[in-house]
Amino acid sequence: MDDELWVRSTLAALQMNDTLIAASQRAADVLGPATPAGARFGGAAEFLLLVNASLGQVMEQWQQGQADQNVGRQS
């Protein structure tokens, strides 16, 4: 079993969310933010931006923790 599978899966999810964010923002622009559909797409983009920001911070914290552990093992 690949020990880093979940890391790669999380990074892939971040990339997919970036794609969905861009598509949702484009749809909101095309439909207009004042329309119900445009507002839904705009809200979806905002939500995914927040999810990606949080998940990105978690990944950075995890990577720093891994680096710190590796330094400790080498000492």
C-alpha atoms as a PDB file:
ATOM      1  CA  MET A   1       0.000   0.000   0.000  1.00  0.00           C
ATOM      2  CA  ASP A   2       1.258   3.461  -0.895  1.00  0.00           C
ATOM      3  CA  ASP A   3       1.929   5.446   2.303  1.00  0.00           C
ATOM      4  CA  GLU A   4       1.516   8.767   0.487  1.00  0.00           C
ATOM      5  CA  LEU A   5      -1.706   7.926  -1.343  1.00  0.00           C
ATOM      6  CA  TRP A   6      -3.848  10.142   0.883  1.00  0.00           C
ATOM      7  CA  VAL A   7      -1.434  13.058   0.419  1.00  0.00           C
ATOM      8  CA  ARG A   8      -1.607  12.758  -3.361  1.00  0.00           C
ATOM      9  CA  SER A   9      -5.398  12.395  -3.151  1.00  0.00           C
ATOM     10  CA  THR A  10      -5.665  15.573  -1.088  1.00  0.00           C
ATOM     11  CA  LEU A  11      -3.442  17.485  -3.500  1.00  0.00           C
ATOM     12  CA  ALA A  12      -5.559  16.230  -6.407  1.00  0.00           C
ATOM     13  CA  ALA A  13      -8.689  17.420  -4.591  1.00  0.00           C
ATOM     14  CA  LEU A  14      -7.129  20.874  -4.205  1.00  0.00           C
ATOM     15  CA  GLN A  15      -6.411  20.995  -7.933  1.00  0.00           C
ATOM     16  CA  MET A  16      -9.921  19.817  -8.810  1.00  0.00           C
ATOM     17  CA  ASN A  17     -11.396  22.449  -6.523  1.00  0.00           C
ATOM     18  CA  ASP A  18      -9.304  25.096  -8.315  1.00  0.00           C
ATOM     19  CA  THR A  19     -10.883  23.970 -11.581  1.00  0.00           C
ATOM     20  CA  LEU A  20     -14.372  24.048 -10.068  1.00  0.00           C
ATOM     21  CA  ILE A  21     -13.727  27.494  -8.577  1.00  0.00           C
ATOM     22  CA  ALA A  22     -12.718  28.907 -11.954  1.00  0.00           C
ATOM     23  CA  ALA A  23     -15.718  27.324 -13.705  1.00  0.00           C
ATOM     24  CA  SER A  24     -18.113  28.542 -11.017  1.00  0.00           C
ATOM     25  CA  GLN A  25     -16.720  32.064 -11.174  1.00  0.00           C
ATOM     26  CA  ARG A  26     -17.050  32.089 -14.971  1.00  0.00           C
ATOM     27  CA  ALA A  27     -20.623  30.809 -14.746  1.00  0.00           C
ATOM     28  CA  ALA A  28     -21.496  33.462 -12.156  1.00  0.00           C
ATOM     29  CA  ASP A  29     -20.047  36.140 -14.439  1.00  0.00           C
ATOM     30  CA  VAL A  30     -21.896  34.854 -17.506  1.00  0.00           C
ATOM     31  CA  LEU A  31     -25.228  34.436 -15.730  1.00  0.00           C
ATOM     32  CA  GLY A  32     -24.836  37.561 -13.653  1.00  0.00           C
ATOM     33  CA  PRO A  33     -24.488  37.601  -9.877  1.00  0.00           C
ATOM     34  CA  ALA A  34     -28.006  39.031  -9.502  1.00  0.00           C
ATOM     35  CA  THR A  35     -29.629  35.957 -11.055  1.00  0.00           C
ATOM     36  CA  PRO A  36     -30.477  32.982  -8.832  1.00  0.00           C
ATOM     37  CA  ALA A  37     -28.188  30.647 -10.811  1.00  0.00           C
ATOM     38  CA  GLY A  38     -25.383  33.194 -10.915  1.00  0.00           C
ATOM     39  CA  ALA A  39     -25.676  33.715  -7.161  1.00  0.00           C
ATOM     40  CA  ARG A  40     -25.515  29.933  -6.577  1.00  0.00           C
ATOM     41  CA  PHE A  41     -22.404  29.616  -8.727  1.00  0.00           C
ATOM     42  CA  GLY A  42     -20.847  32.595  -6.970  1.00  0.00           C
ATOM     43  CA  GLY A  43     -21.621  31.078  -3.576  1.00  0.00           C
ATOM     44  CA  ALA A  44     -20.155  27.748  -4.660  1.00  0.00           C
ATOM     45  CA  ALA A  45     -16.950  29.485  -5.767  1.00  0.00           C
ATOM     46  CA  GLU A  46     -16.666  31.340  -2.452  1.00  0.00           C
ATOM     47  CA  PHE A  47     -17.238  28.121  -0.508  1.00  0.00           C
ATOM     48  CA  LEU A  48     -14.616  26.210  -2.490  1.00  0.00           C
ATOM     49  CA  LEU A  49     -12.138  29.063  -2.073  1.00  0.00           C
ATOM     50  CA  LEU A  50     -12.584  28.783   1.687  1.00  0.00           C
ATOM     51  CA  VAL A  51     -12.286  24.992   1.620  1.00  0.00           C
ATOM     52  CA  ASN A  52      -9.107  25.168  -0.467  1.00  0.00           C
ATOM     53  CA  ALA A  53      -7.552  27.845   1.738  1.00  0.00           C
ATOM     54  CA  SER A  54      -8.211  25.774   4.856  1.00  0.00           C
ATOM     55  CA  LEU A  55      -7.095  22.513   3.294  1.00  0.00           C
ATOM     56  CA  GLY A  56      -3.971  24.187   1.936  1.00  0.00           C
ATOM     57  CA  GLN A  57      -3.087  25.424   5.423  1.00  0.00           C
ATOM     58  CA  VAL A  58      -3.605  21.940   6.857  1.00  0.00           C
ATOM     59  CA  MET A  59      -1.340  20.446   4.198  1.00  0.00           C
ATOM     60  CA  GLU A  60       1.365  23.033   4.952  1.00  0.00           C
ATOM     61  CA  GLN A  61       1.124  22.286   8.675  1.00  0.00           C
ATOM     62  CA  TRP A  62       1.333  18.554   8.021  1.00  0.00           C
ATOM     63  CA  GLN A  63       4.327  18.957   5.703  1.00  0.00           C
ATOM     64  CA  GLN A  64       6.104  21.124   8.288  1.00  0.00           C
ATOM     65  CA  GLY A  65       5.403  18.527  10.959  1.00  0.00           C
ATOM     66  CA  GLN A  66       6.821  15.815   8.699  1.00  0.00           C
ATOM     67  CA  ALA A  67       9.927  17.906   8.046  1.00  0.00           C
ATOM     68  CA  ASP A  68      10.371  18.513  11.774  1.00  0.00           C
ATOM     69  CA  GLN A  69      10.049  14.781  12.472  1.00  0.00           C
ATOM     70  CA  ASN A  70      12.627  13.963   9.792  1.00  0.00           C
ATOM     71  CA  VAL A  71      15.071  16.463  11.335  1.00  0.00           C
ATOM     72  CA  GLY A  72      14.493  14.856  14.730  1.00  0.00           C
ATOM     73  CA  ARG A  73      15.199  11.403  13.332  1.00  0.00           C
ATOM     74  CA  GLN A  74      18.458  12.565  11.774  1.00  0.00           C
ATOM     75  CA  SER A  75      19.750  14.071  15.028  1.00  0.00           C
END
